[in-house]
Amino acid sequence: MAIFKGAGVAIVTPMKDNGEINYEVLGALIEDQIANHTDAIIICGTSGEAPTLEDDEHLEAIRYTVEKTAGRIPVIAGTGSNNTAHAIMMSKEAQQLGADGCLLVAPYYNKATQNGLFQHFSAIAGAIDIPCVLYNVPSRTGSNILPETAVRLAKEVDNIVAIKEASGNISQVAKLAALGDGVIDIYSGNDDQIVPICSLGGIGVISVLSNVAPKETHDMVAYCLANRYDEARKLQFKSLDLVNALFCEVNPIPVKAALCMQGYAVGRPRLPLTEMEPAHQEVLRKAMIEFGCL
């Protein structure tokens, strides 16, 4: 059974001016996401600035999100690493804290062969009992989880159940869906490819866009799953300028700026990420106004 179907938000980690996590704002974001029909919360992923969270902060953010969500929708914790032992430790802790699943990014910088990827993910999943979602994002990691490797993992490791596909390569996603033939759930990892990936058998998205437009992102997937593709396409087309603006600088710089524009005190990103350039902020503001989320 899928961990979730629909739109999961890759939620930001709000920061105070002193750099500490702002749990009051995180709680408000979670409540607003649930009120707008978001189907899952993904905490401490790329959008949540996981690379600059200390382990104790990372785990406290997971604990808080599980407690705040209180079983209303699933919580998936980002626990991946390029250090297999560290990913195992974090995944075990996330399970203890009550997470419904773990999101495991492909090893970055040191990378790995396809056999190394297989062994890495197998070791992490084998150390826990909750479901695991692979995260393929070659533009950030420098490594690509090939369809054959993803399908092999899903077939041979019971709790590897899904993949967030952010390669941007629709041909690769099509091959993954064909080889997988239902053995692995596919989530779009790119907000401009929600409808195309759902049309190939995907069951949802793990979304940056959902931070600022949760209802529309949920509805787009819901239309796809109901085979109402004309309506889904309209929302996909409507969102394109906003999605482009949300990625005109590296994520999560723009989405944090967008949430600030909406009145959420999410703060600035931690270094090495910086605040959004003023010219880009104007592009983003215009796109949000045209979309109707500002």
C-alpha atoms as a PDB file:
ATOM      1  CA  MET A   1       0.000   0.000   0.000  1.00  0.00           C
ATOM      2  CA  ALA A   2       1.256   3.486  -0.871  1.00  0.00           C
ATOM      3  CA  ILE A   3       2.471   5.723   1.949  1.00  0.00           C
ATOM      4  CA  PHE A   4       0.295   8.413   0.357  1.00  0.00           C
ATOM      5  CA  LYS A   5      -1.346   9.321  -2.909  1.00  0.00           C
ATOM      6  CA  GLY A   6      -1.552  12.967  -3.913  1.00  0.00           C
ATOM      7  CA  ALA A   7       0.556  16.000  -3.065  1.00  0.00           C
ATOM      8  CA  GLY A   8       3.161  15.824  -0.331  1.00  0.00           C
ATOM      9  CA  VAL A   9       4.774  19.105   0.648  1.00  0.00           C
ATOM     10  CA  ALA A  10       8.556  19.276   0.906  1.00  0.00           C
ATOM     11  CA  ILE A  11       8.117  21.717   3.745  1.00  0.00           C
ATOM     12  CA  VAL A  12      10.639  24.449   4.574  1.00  0.00           C
ATOM     13  CA  THR A  13      12.326  24.746   7.942  1.00  0.00           C
ATOM     14  CA  PRO A  14      11.461  28.209   9.329  1.00  0.00           C
ATOM     15  CA  MET A  15      14.339  30.013  11.046  1.00  0.00           C
ATOM     16  CA  LYS A  16      14.436  32.811  13.612  1.00  0.00           C
ATOM     17  CA  ASP A  17      16.735  35.790  13.154  1.00  0.00           C
ATOM     18  CA  ASN A  18      19.316  34.054  15.347  1.00  0.00           C
ATOM     19  CA  GLY A  19      19.258  30.986  13.091  1.00  0.00           C
ATOM     20  CA  GLU A  20      17.334  28.678  15.409  1.00  0.00           C
ATOM     21  CA  ILE A  21      14.363  26.681  14.089  1.00  0.00           C
ATOM     22  CA  ASN A  22      11.109  28.573  14.546  1.00  0.00           C
ATOM     23  CA  TYR A  23       8.705  25.880  15.712  1.00  0.00           C
ATOM     24  CA  GLU A  24       5.785  28.256  16.132  1.00  0.00           C
ATOM     25  CA  VAL A  25       5.904  29.094  12.428  1.00  0.00           C
ATOM     26  CA  LEU A  26       6.532  25.455  11.472  1.00  0.00           C
ATOM     27  CA  GLY A  27       3.383  24.526  13.375  1.00  0.00           C
ATOM     28  CA  ALA A  28       1.377  27.193  11.547  1.00  0.00           C
ATOM     29  CA  LEU A  29       2.665  25.948   8.186  1.00  0.00           C
ATOM     30  CA  ILE A  30       1.721  22.360   9.033  1.00  0.00           C
ATOM     31  CA  GLU A  31      -1.794  23.380  10.073  1.00  0.00           C
ATOM     32  CA  ASP A  32      -2.296  25.434   6.904  1.00  0.00           C
ATOM     33  CA  GLN A  33      -1.042  22.585   4.725  1.00  0.00           C
ATOM     34  CA  ILE A  34      -3.466  20.135   6.327  1.00  0.00           C
ATOM     35  CA  ALA A  35      -6.335  22.636   6.041  1.00  0.00           C
ATOM     36  CA  ASN A  36      -5.611  22.936   2.315  1.00  0.00           C
ATOM     37  CA  HIS A  37      -5.730  19.158   1.759  1.00  0.00           C
ATOM     38  CA  THR A  38      -2.025  18.390   1.458  1.00  0.00           C
ATOM     39  CA  ASP A  39      -1.664  14.618   1.576  1.00  0.00           C
ATOM     40  CA  ALA A  40       1.684  14.230   3.385  1.00  0.00           C
ATOM     41  CA  ILE A  41       4.375  16.282   5.115  1.00  0.00           C
ATOM     42  CA  ILE A  42       7.982  15.672   4.074  1.00  0.00           C
ATOM     43  CA  ILE A  43      10.212  17.149   6.775  1.00  0.00           C
ATOM     44  CA  CYS A  44      13.965  17.786   6.614  1.00  0.00           C
ATOM     45  CA  GLY A  45      14.404  17.303   2.904  1.00  0.00           C
ATOM     46  CA  THR A  46      16.194  19.599   0.484  1.00  0.00           C
ATOM     47  CA  SER A  47      13.549  22.306   0.951  1.00  0.00           C
ATOM     48  CA  GLY A  48      13.981  21.891   4.702  1.00  0.00           C
ATOM     49  CA  GLU A  49      17.715  22.660   4.489  1.00  0.00           C
ATOM     50  CA  ALA A  50      18.696  19.260   5.874  1.00  0.00           C
ATOM     51  CA  PRO A  51      22.383  19.673   4.909  1.00  0.00           C
ATOM     52  CA  THR A  52      22.791  22.529   7.403  1.00  0.00           C
ATOM     53  CA  LEU A  53      20.763  21.045  10.257  1.00  0.00           C
ATOM     54  CA  GLU A  54      22.692  19.550  13.152  1.00  0.00           C
ATOM     55  CA  ASP A  55      21.576  16.036  14.055  1.00  0.00           C
ATOM     56  CA  ASP A  56      19.788  17.156  17.216  1.00  0.00           C
ATOM     57  CA  GLU A  57      17.919  19.888  15.297  1.00  0.00           C
ATOM     58  CA  HIS A  58      17.081  17.472  12.500  1.00  0.00           C
ATOM     59  CA  LEU A  59      15.613  14.928  14.876  1.00  0.00           C
ATOM     60  CA  GLU A  60      13.755  17.525  16.921  1.00  0.00           C
ATOM     61  CA  ALA A  61      12.143  18.850  13.727  1.00  0.00           C
ATOM     62  CA  ILE A  62      10.980  15.314  12.911  1.00  0.00           C
ATOM     63  CA  ARG A  63       9.682  14.786  16.445  1.00  0.00           C
ATOM     64  CA  TYR A  64       7.809  18.087  16.416  1.00  0.00           C
ATOM     65  CA  THR A  65       6.248  17.421  13.009  1.00  0.00           C
ATOM     66  CA  VAL A  66       5.056  13.945  13.995  1.00  0.00           C
ATOM     67  CA  GLU A  67       3.546  15.345  17.187  1.00  0.00           C
ATOM     68  CA  LYS A  68       1.950  18.339  15.478  1.00  0.00           C
ATOM     69  CA  THR A  69       0.531  16.323  12.603  1.00  0.00           C
ATOM     70  CA  ALA A  70      -0.888  13.830  15.104  1.00  0.00           C
ATOM     71  CA  GLY A  71      -1.641  11.115  12.575  1.00  0.00           C
ATOM     72  CA  ARG A  72      -3.870  13.276  10.391  1.00  0.00           C
ATOM     73  CA  ILE A  73      -1.619  12.759   7.367  1.00  0.00           C
ATOM     74  CA  PRO A  74       1.631  10.797   6.960  1.00  0.00           C
ATOM     75  CA  VAL A  75       4.991  12.295   7.911  1.00  0.00           C
ATOM     76  CA  ILE A  76       7.991  11.276   5.820  1.00  0.00           C
ATOM     77  CA  ALA A  77      11.376  12.159   7.290  1.00  0.00           C
ATOM     78  CA  GLY A  78      14.381  13.003   5.184  1.00  0.00           C
ATOM     79  CA  THR A  79      17.140  10.812   6.631  1.00  0.00           C
ATOM     80  CA  GLY A  80      19.390  10.175   3.648  1.00  0.00           C
ATOM     81  CA  SER A  81      23.125  10.810   3.609  1.00  0.00           C
ATOM     82  CA  ASN A  82      26.267  10.081   1.634  1.00  0.00           C
ATOM     83  CA  ASN A  83      27.426   8.248   4.765  1.00  0.00           C
ATOM     84  CA  THR A  84      25.541   4.959   4.952  1.00  0.00           C
ATOM     85  CA  ALA A  85      26.127   4.504   8.679  1.00  0.00           C
ATOM     86  CA  HIS A  86      24.850   8.001   9.411  1.00  0.00           C
ATOM     87  CA  ALA A  87      21.748   7.436   7.274  1.00  0.00           C
ATOM     88  CA  ILE A  88      21.070   4.212   9.180  1.00  0.00           C
ATOM     89  CA  MET A  89      21.351   6.020  12.511  1.00  0.00           C
ATOM     90  CA  MET A  90      19.071   8.873  11.436  1.00  0.00           C
ATOM     91  CA  SER A  91      16.517   6.497   9.927  1.00  0.00           C
ATOM     92  CA  LYS A  92      16.378   4.418  13.102  1.00  0.00           C
ATOM     93  CA  GLU A  93      15.837   7.577  15.143  1.00  0.00           C
ATOM     94  CA  ALA A  94      13.100   8.774  12.771  1.00  0.00           C
ATOM     95  CA  GLN A  95      11.303   5.455  13.162  1.00  0.00           C
ATOM     96  CA  GLN A  96      11.548   5.741  16.946  1.00  0.00           C
ATOM     97  CA  LEU A  97      10.093   9.249  16.724  1.00  0.00           C
ATOM     98  CA  GLY A  98       7.041   7.973  14.878  1.00  0.00           C
ATOM     99  CA  ALA A  99       7.739   8.918  11.261  1.00  0.00           C
ATOM    100  CA  ASP A 100       5.578   7.050   8.768  1.00  0.00           C
ATOM    101  CA  GLY A 101       8.403   6.691   6.275  1.00  0.00           C
ATOM    102  CA  CYS A 102      11.901   7.827   5.342  1.00  0.00           C
ATOM    103  CA  LEU A 103      13.071   9.738   2.266  1.00  0.00           C
ATOM    104  CA  LEU A 104      16.536   8.545   1.229  1.00  0.00           C
ATOM    105  CA  VAL A 105      18.483  10.746  -1.159  1.00  0.00           C
ATOM    106  CA  ALA A 106      21.130   9.163  -3.374  1.00  0.00           C
ATOM    107  CA  PRO A 107      24.655   9.577  -1.982  1.00  0.00           C
ATOM    108  CA  TYR A 108      26.114  12.917  -3.051  1.00  0.00           C
ATOM    109  CA  TYR A 109      29.685  14.036  -3.713  1.00  0.00           C
ATOM    110  CA  ASN A 110      31.285  10.640  -3.138  1.00  0.00           C
ATOM    111  CA  LYS A 111      28.530   9.182  -5.393  1.00  0.00           C
ATOM    112  CA  ALA A 112      28.403   5.416  -5.985  1.00  0.00           C
ATOM    113  CA  THR A 113      28.164   2.774  -8.673  1.00  0.00           C
ATOM    114  CA  GLN A 114      24.770   1.199  -9.283  1.00  0.00           C
ATOM    115  CA  ASN A 115      25.897  -1.718  -7.127  1.00  0.00           C
ATOM    116  CA  GLY A 116      26.961   0.748  -4.449  1.00  0.00           C
ATOM    117  CA  LEU A 117      23.541   2.412  -4.598  1.00  0.00           C
ATOM    118  CA  PHE A 118      21.882  -0.973  -4.243  1.00  0.00           C
ATOM    119  CA  GLN A 119      23.965  -1.874  -1.201  1.00  0.00           C
ATOM    120  CA  HIS A 120      23.598   1.596   0.363  1.00  0.00           C
ATOM    121  CA  PHE A 121      19.808   1.682   0.167  1.00  0.00           C
ATOM    122  CA  SER A 122      19.485  -1.990   1.115  1.00  0.00           C
ATOM    123  CA  ALA A 123      21.525  -1.432   4.256  1.00  0.00           C
ATOM    124  CA  ILE A 124      19.446   1.564   5.373  1.00  0.00           C
ATOM    125  CA  ALA A 125      16.086  -0.050   4.653  1.00  0.00           C
ATOM    126  CA  GLY A 126      17.202  -3.288   6.276  1.00  0.00           C
ATOM    127  CA  ALA A 127      17.883  -1.463   9.531  1.00  0.00           C
ATOM    128  CA  ILE A 128      14.303  -0.159   9.905  1.00  0.00           C
ATOM    129  CA  ASP A 129      10.747  -1.409   9.487  1.00  0.00           C
ATOM    130  CA  ILE A 130       8.986   1.671   8.090  1.00  0.00           C
ATOM    131  CA  PRO A 131       8.632   2.285   4.336  1.00  0.00           C
ATOM    132  CA  CYS A 132      11.426   3.975   2.404  1.00  0.00           C
ATOM    133  CA  VAL A 133      11.186   6.377  -0.539  1.00  0.00           C
ATOM    134  CA  LEU A 134      14.267   6.637  -2.744  1.00  0.00           C
ATOM    135  CA  TYR A 135      15.121  10.165  -3.921  1.00  0.00           C
ATOM    136  CA  ASN A 136      16.716  10.502  -7.333  1.00  0.00           C
ATOM    137  CA  VAL A 137      17.979  14.028  -8.015  1.00  0.00           C
ATOM    138  CA  PRO A 138      21.123  13.800 -10.170  1.00  0.00           C
ATOM    139  CA  SER A 139      21.445  17.578 -10.534  1.00  0.00           C
ATOM    140  CA  ARG A 140      22.241  17.801  -6.815  1.00  0.00           C
ATOM    141  CA  THR A 141      23.884  14.463  -6.092  1.00  0.00           C
ATOM    142  CA  GLY A 142      25.906  13.741  -9.211  1.00  0.00           C
ATOM    143  CA  SER A 143      24.554  10.189  -9.293  1.00  0.00           C
ATOM    144  CA  ASN A 144      21.550   8.723 -11.061  1.00  0.00           C
ATOM    145  CA  ILE A 145      19.469   5.854  -9.670  1.00  0.00           C
ATOM    146  CA  LEU A 146      18.805   3.968 -12.880  1.00  0.00           C
ATOM    147  CA  PRO A 147      15.384   2.355 -13.411  1.00  0.00           C
ATOM    148  CA  GLU A 148      16.875  -1.125 -13.237  1.00  0.00           C
ATOM    149  CA  THR A 149      18.428  -0.372  -9.834  1.00  0.00           C
ATOM    150  CA  ALA A 150      15.266   1.193  -8.418  1.00  0.00           C
ATOM    151  CA  VAL A 151      13.134  -1.745  -9.540  1.00  0.00           C
ATOM    152  CA  ARG A 152      15.628  -4.269  -8.207  1.00  0.00           C
ATOM    153  CA  LEU A 153      15.577  -2.531  -4.827  1.00  0.00           C
ATOM    154  CA  ALA A 154      11.781  -2.504  -4.728  1.00  0.00           C
ATOM    155  CA  LYS A 155      11.625  -6.189  -5.636  1.00  0.00           C
ATOM    156  CA  GLU A 156      14.330  -7.388  -3.259  1.00  0.00           C
ATOM    157  CA  VAL A 157      13.860  -5.084  -0.244  1.00  0.00           C
ATOM    158  CA  ASP A 158      10.372  -5.294   1.246  1.00  0.00           C
ATOM    159  CA  ASN A 159      10.168  -1.792   2.685  1.00  0.00           C
ATOM    160  CA  ILE A 160      11.582   0.100  -0.308  1.00  0.00           C
ATOM    161  CA  VAL A 161       8.252   1.052  -1.780  1.00  0.00           C
ATOM    162  CA  ALA A 162       8.588   4.279  -3.765  1.00  0.00           C
ATOM    163  CA  ILE A 163      10.844   6.753  -5.512  1.00  0.00           C
ATOM    164  CA  LYS A 164      10.811  10.529  -5.793  1.00  0.00           C
ATOM    165  CA  GLU A 165      11.910  11.019  -9.383  1.00  0.00           C
ATOM    166  CA  ALA A 166      13.597  14.387  -9.981  1.00  0.00           C
ATOM    167  CA  SER A 167      15.917  13.457 -12.810  1.00  0.00           C
ATOM    168  CA  GLY A 168      13.862  15.612 -15.172  1.00  0.00           C
ATOM    169  CA  ASN A 169      14.155  12.827 -17.736  1.00  0.00           C
ATOM    170  CA  ILE A 170      10.662  11.753 -18.772  1.00  0.00           C
ATOM    171  CA  SER A 171      12.080   8.920 -20.869  1.00  0.00           C
ATOM    172  CA  GLN A 172      13.782   7.547 -17.757  1.00  0.00           C
ATOM    173  CA  VAL A 173      10.539   7.805 -15.787  1.00  0.00           C
ATOM    174  CA  ALA A 174       8.687   5.982 -18.561  1.00  0.00           C
ATOM    175  CA  LYS A 175      11.265   3.185 -18.472  1.00  0.00           C
ATOM    176  CA  LEU A 176      11.015   3.043 -14.672  1.00  0.00           C
ATOM    177  CA  ALA A 177       7.219   2.723 -14.863  1.00  0.00           C
ATOM    178  CA  ALA A 178       7.455   0.033 -17.545  1.00  0.00           C
ATOM    179  CA  LEU A 179      10.063  -2.028 -15.711  1.00  0.00           C
ATOM    180  CA  GLY A 180       8.433  -1.526 -12.336  1.00  0.00           C
ATOM    181  CA  ASP A 181       4.970  -2.475 -13.520  1.00  0.00           C
ATOM    182  CA  GLY A 182       3.432  -1.391 -10.220  1.00  0.00           C
ATOM    183  CA  VAL A 183       6.122  -2.754  -7.890  1.00  0.00           C
ATOM    184  CA  ILE A 184       7.379   0.735  -7.011  1.00  0.00           C
ATOM    185  CA  ASP A 185       5.303   3.882  -6.469  1.00  0.00           C
ATOM    186  CA  ILE A 186       6.508   6.907  -8.400  1.00  0.00           C
ATOM    187  CA  TYR A 187       6.261  10.486  -7.133  1.00  0.00           C
ATOM    188  CA  SER A 188       7.205  13.437  -9.274  1.00  0.00           C
ATOM    189  CA  GLY A 189      10.076  15.386  -7.780  1.00  0.00           C
ATOM    190  CA  ASN A 190       9.615  18.255 -10.222  1.00  0.00           C
ATOM    191  CA  ASP A 191       6.604  20.543  -9.996  1.00  0.00           C
ATOM    192  CA  ASP A 192       6.588  21.203 -13.746  1.00  0.00           C
ATOM    193  CA  GLN A 193       6.240  17.473 -14.449  1.00  0.00           C
ATOM    194  CA  ILE A 194       3.386  16.473 -12.144  1.00  0.00           C
ATOM    195  CA  VAL A 195       0.883  15.735 -14.902  1.00  0.00           C
ATOM    196  CA  PRO A 196       3.366  14.003 -17.253  1.00  0.00           C
ATOM    197  CA  ILE A 197       4.603  11.703 -14.500  1.00  0.00           C
ATOM    198  CA  CYS A 198       1.094  10.933 -13.260  1.00  0.00           C
ATOM    199  CA  SER A 199       0.119  10.094 -16.838  1.00  0.00           C
ATOM    200  CA  LEU A 200       2.860   7.442 -16.798  1.00  0.00           C
ATOM    201  CA  GLY A 201       1.449   5.875 -13.641  1.00  0.00           C
ATOM    202  CA  GLY A 202       2.839   8.142 -10.942  1.00  0.00           C
ATOM    203  CA  ILE A 203       0.692   8.527  -7.837  1.00  0.00           C
ATOM    204  CA  GLY A 204       1.654  12.008  -6.709  1.00  0.00           C
ATOM    205  CA  VAL A 205       4.303  14.629  -6.121  1.00  0.00           C
ATOM    206  CA  ILE A 206       6.725  15.619  -3.385  1.00  0.00           C
ATOM    207  CA  SER A 207       6.406  19.300  -4.005  1.00  0.00           C
ATOM    208  CA  VAL A 208       8.069  22.666  -3.453  1.00  0.00           C
ATOM    209  CA  LEU A 209       5.110  24.448  -5.095  1.00  0.00           C
ATOM    210  CA  SER A 210       2.802  23.060  -2.409  1.00  0.00           C
ATOM    211  CA  ASN A 211       4.489  25.303   0.174  1.00  0.00           C
ATOM    212  CA  VAL A 212       2.827  28.346  -1.426  1.00  0.00           C
ATOM    213  CA  ALA A 213      -0.066  26.780  -3.361  1.00  0.00           C
ATOM    214  CA  PRO A 214      -1.116  23.663  -1.417  1.00  0.00           C
ATOM    215  CA  LYS A 215      -4.715  23.383  -2.578  1.00  0.00           C
ATOM    216  CA  GLU A 216      -3.891  23.793  -6.266  1.00  0.00           C
ATOM    217  CA  THR A 217      -1.062  21.261  -6.054  1.00  0.00           C
ATOM    218  CA  HIS A 218      -3.327  18.771  -4.299  1.00  0.00           C
ATOM    219  CA  ASP A 219      -6.088  19.368  -6.844  1.00  0.00           C
ATOM    220  CA  MET A 220      -3.737  18.887  -9.788  1.00  0.00           C
ATOM    221  CA  VAL A 221      -2.813  15.403  -8.589  1.00  0.00           C
ATOM    222  CA  ALA A 222      -6.384  14.593  -7.582  1.00  0.00           C
ATOM    223  CA  TYR A 223      -7.553  15.382 -11.103  1.00  0.00           C
ATOM    224  CA  CYS A 224      -4.862  13.109 -12.524  1.00  0.00           C
ATOM    225  CA  LEU A 225      -5.784  10.244 -10.226  1.00  0.00           C
ATOM    226  CA  ALA A 226      -9.437  10.687 -11.210  1.00  0.00           C
ATOM    227  CA  ASN A 227      -8.442  10.593 -14.894  1.00  0.00           C
ATOM    228  CA  ARG A 228      -9.580  14.212 -15.330  1.00  0.00           C
ATOM    229  CA  TYR A 229      -6.523  15.238 -17.287  1.00  0.00           C
ATOM    230  CA  ASP A 230      -8.054  18.252 -19.009  1.00  0.00           C
ATOM    231  CA  GLU A 231      -8.497  19.917 -15.608  1.00  0.00           C
ATOM    232  CA  ALA A 232      -5.101  18.728 -14.396  1.00  0.00           C
ATOM    233  CA  ARG A 233      -3.381  20.175 -17.447  1.00  0.00           C
ATOM    234  CA  LYS A 234      -4.995  23.563 -16.885  1.00  0.00           C
ATOM    235  CA  LEU A 235      -3.507  23.719 -13.396  1.00  0.00           C
ATOM    236  CA  GLN A 236      -0.135  22.473 -14.643  1.00  0.00           C
ATOM    237  CA  PHE A 237      -0.027  25.144 -17.332  1.00  0.00           C
ATOM    238  CA  LYS A 238      -1.208  27.827 -14.907  1.00  0.00           C
ATOM    239  CA  SER A 239       1.574  26.930 -12.471  1.00  0.00           C
ATOM    240  CA  LEU A 240       4.496  26.965 -14.917  1.00  0.00           C
ATOM    241  CA  ASP A 241       5.563  30.606 -14.486  1.00  0.00           C
ATOM    242  CA  LEU A 242       5.333  30.304 -10.708  1.00  0.00           C
ATOM    243  CA  VAL A 243       7.304  27.048 -10.712  1.00  0.00           C
ATOM    244  CA  ASN A 244      10.000  28.642 -12.879  1.00  0.00           C
ATOM    245  CA  ALA A 245      10.182  31.577 -10.463  1.00  0.00           C
ATOM    246  CA  LEU A 246      10.460  29.190  -7.502  1.00  0.00           C
ATOM    247  CA  PHE A 247      13.568  27.691  -9.115  1.00  0.00           C
ATOM    248  CA  CYS A 248      15.219  30.793 -10.574  1.00  0.00           C
ATOM    249  CA  GLU A 249      17.679  30.491  -7.685  1.00  0.00           C
ATOM    250  CA  VAL A 250      18.615  27.301  -5.895  1.00  0.00           C
ATOM    251  CA  ASN A 251      15.833  25.775  -3.782  1.00  0.00           C
ATOM    252  CA  PRO A 252      14.819  26.702  -1.064  1.00  0.00           C
ATOM    253  CA  ILE A 253      15.950  30.312  -1.508  1.00  0.00           C
ATOM    254  CA  PRO A 254      12.912  31.351  -3.604  1.00  0.00           C
ATOM    255  CA  VAL A 255      10.277  29.389  -1.699  1.00  0.00           C
ATOM    256  CA  LYS A 256      11.391  30.930   1.583  1.00  0.00           C
ATOM    257  CA  ALA A 257      11.131  34.360  -0.043  1.00  0.00           C
ATOM    258  CA  ALA A 258       7.670  33.448  -1.345  1.00  0.00           C
ATOM    259  CA  LEU A 259       6.453  32.355   2.082  1.00  0.00           C
ATOM    260  CA  CYS A 260       7.743  35.586   3.588  1.00  0.00           C
ATOM    261  CA  MET A 261       5.734  37.469   0.952  1.00  0.00           C
ATOM    262  CA  GLN A 262       2.675  35.493   2.081  1.00  0.00           C
ATOM    263  CA  GLY A 263       3.251  36.638   5.657  1.00  0.00           C
ATOM    264  CA  TYR A 264       4.986  33.592   7.131  1.00  0.00           C
ATOM    265  CA  ALA A 265       8.077  34.508   9.145  1.00  0.00           C
ATOM    266  CA  VAL A 266      10.201  31.640   7.804  1.00  0.00           C
ATOM    267  CA  GLY A 267      13.388  33.696   7.909  1.00  0.00           C
ATOM    268  CA  ARG A 268      16.381  33.557   5.627  1.00  0.00           C
ATOM    269  CA  PRO A 269      18.138  30.347   4.595  1.00  0.00           C
ATOM    270  CA  ARG A 270      21.276  29.252   6.398  1.00  0.00           C
ATOM    271  CA  LEU A 271      24.609  29.807   4.701  1.00  0.00           C
ATOM    272  CA  PRO A 272      25.876  28.866   2.213  1.00  0.00           C
ATOM    273  CA  LEU A 273      22.408  29.727   0.875  1.00  0.00           C
ATOM    274  CA  THR A 274      21.625  33.428   0.801  1.00  0.00           C
ATOM    275  CA  GLU A 275      18.590  35.657   0.546  1.00  0.00           C
ATOM    276  CA  MET A 276      16.984  36.000  -2.869  1.00  0.00           C
ATOM    277  CA  GLU A 277      18.322  38.691  -5.194  1.00  0.00           C
ATOM    278  CA  PRO A 278      15.969  41.713  -5.384  1.00  0.00           C
ATOM    279  CA  ALA A 279      15.444  41.399  -9.149  1.00  0.00           C
ATOM    280  CA  HIS A 280      14.446  37.764  -8.753  1.00  0.00           C
ATOM    281  CA  GLN A 281      12.125  38.677  -5.887  1.00  0.00           C
ATOM    282  CA  GLU A 282      10.190  40.930  -8.237  1.00  0.00           C
ATOM    283  CA  VAL A 283       9.881  38.140 -10.802  1.00  0.00           C
ATOM    284  CA  LEU A 284       8.647  35.824  -8.062  1.00  0.00           C
ATOM    285  CA  ARG A 285       6.195  38.368  -6.682  1.00  0.00           C
ATOM    286  CA  LYS A 286       4.712  38.939 -10.149  1.00  0.00           C
ATOM    287  CA  ALA A 287       4.333  35.185 -10.737  1.00  0.00           C
ATOM    288  CA  MET A 288       2.630  34.721  -7.366  1.00  0.00           C
ATOM    289  CA  ILE A 289       0.186  37.545  -8.081  1.00  0.00           C
ATOM    290  CA  GLU A 290      -0.635  36.141 -11.513  1.00  0.00           C
ATOM    291  CA  PHE A 291      -1.129  32.666 -10.074  1.00  0.00           C
ATOM    292  CA  GLY A 292      -3.339  34.028  -7.319  1.00  0.00           C
ATOM    293  CA  CYS A 293      -1.374  33.019  -4.230  1.00  0.00           C
ATOM    294  CA  LEU A 294      -0.403  36.541  -3.242  1.00  0.00           C
END
